Every structure is written in structure tokens, then in C-alpha cells.
């Protein structure tokens, strides 16, 4: 039965470590609401360009 007590203790310690880690992350990373502009940028479709336009933008003439 000693091994089941040890496993129970390990499980409890892991749970406590997970809670401590979660609190640490919550303190380090502040959650902010996205601005209207950020939300719009996230929702809009990406523009796809062809190779010619990309090279032109990079200043490469071929």
C-alpha cells in the first residue's frame, strides 16, 4: 500500500505545481481585449500576390 500513497502524494504535488504555473503565467501575460483594428485584421482575408508583384515590391527586377 505504500506505493499507492506515494502515487497519491505525487499526483497532489503535480496538481499544486500546475496551479502555481498557471498563476505565474497569468501574472506574466496580461490578457487584453483586442482593439477594433486588431479584430478587423484577424478577420480579414489575406491578400495573395504573385511572384512578379513580390519581386517588384522587393525591388528585384528580372
Protein backbone atom coordinates (compact mmCIF):
# COMPACT_ATOMS: atom_id res chain seq x y z
CA UNK A 1 0.00 0.00 0.00
CA UNK A 2 2.97 2.33 0.38
CA UNK A 3 3.21 2.76 -3.38
CA UNK A 4 -0.40 3.95 -3.70
CA UNK A 5 0.21 6.58 -1.02
CA UNK A 6 3.31 7.71 -2.89
CA UNK A 7 1.40 7.97 -6.16
CA UNK A 8 -1.33 9.94 -4.41
CA UNK A 9 1.29 12.34 -3.00
CA UNK A 10 2.93 12.74 -6.41
CA UNK A 11 -0.44 13.41 -8.02
CA UNK A 12 -1.21 16.10 -5.43
CA UNK A 13 2.19 17.73 -5.89
CA UNK A 14 1.74 17.78 -9.67
CA UNK A 15 -1.67 19.40 -9.22
CA UNK A 16 -0.16 22.06 -6.97
CA UNK A 17 2.67 22.71 -9.46
CA UNK A 18 0.15 23.11 -12.27
CA UNK A 19 -1.79 25.66 -10.22
CA UNK A 20 1.38 27.57 -9.35
CA UNK A 21 2.44 27.57 -13.01
CA UNK A 22 -0.99 28.81 -14.08
CA UNK A 23 -0.86 31.68 -11.59
CA UNK A 24 2.66 32.58 -12.71
CA UNK A 25 1.64 32.64 -16.36
CA UNK A 26 -1.45 34.70 -15.53
CA UNK A 27 0.74 37.30 -13.81
CA UNK A 28 3.33 37.42 -16.59
CA UNK A 29 0.93 37.55 -19.51
CA UNK A 30 -1.77 40.13 -19.17
CA UNK A 31 -4.82 39.34 -21.19
CA UNK A 32 -6.06 42.35 -23.08
CA UNK A 33 -9.09 42.71 -25.27
CA UNK A 34 -8.18 43.10 -28.92
CA UNK A 35 -8.79 46.56 -30.38
CA UNK A 36 -11.29 47.07 -33.20
CA UNK A 37 -8.41 47.34 -35.67
CA UNK A 38 -6.81 44.12 -34.42
CA UNK A 39 -10.12 42.26 -34.62
CA UNK A 40 -10.60 43.50 -38.18
CA UNK A 41 -7.11 42.44 -39.17
CA UNK A 42 -7.66 38.99 -37.71
CA UNK A 43 -10.94 38.54 -39.58
CA UNK A 44 -9.97 39.89 -43.00
CA UNK A 45 -8.76 37.60 -45.73
CA UNK A 46 -5.08 37.62 -46.56
CA UNK A 47 -4.11 39.08 -49.90
CA UNK A 48 -2.20 36.65 -52.09
CA UNK A 49 0.32 38.13 -54.50
CA UNK A 50 2.11 36.52 -57.40
CA UNK A 51 5.87 36.20 -57.81
CA UNK A 52 6.15 39.20 -60.15
CA UNK A 53 4.45 41.53 -57.65
CA UNK A 54 6.58 40.20 -54.80
CA UNK A 55 9.83 40.76 -56.71
CA UNK A 56 8.66 44.26 -57.70
CA UNK A 57 7.92 45.08 -54.06
CA UNK A 58 11.36 43.80 -53.04
CA UNK A 59 12.98 45.92 -55.71
CA UNK A 60 14.22 42.98 -57.75
CA UNK A 61 13.87 43.42 -61.48
CA UNK A 62 14.07 40.34 -63.61
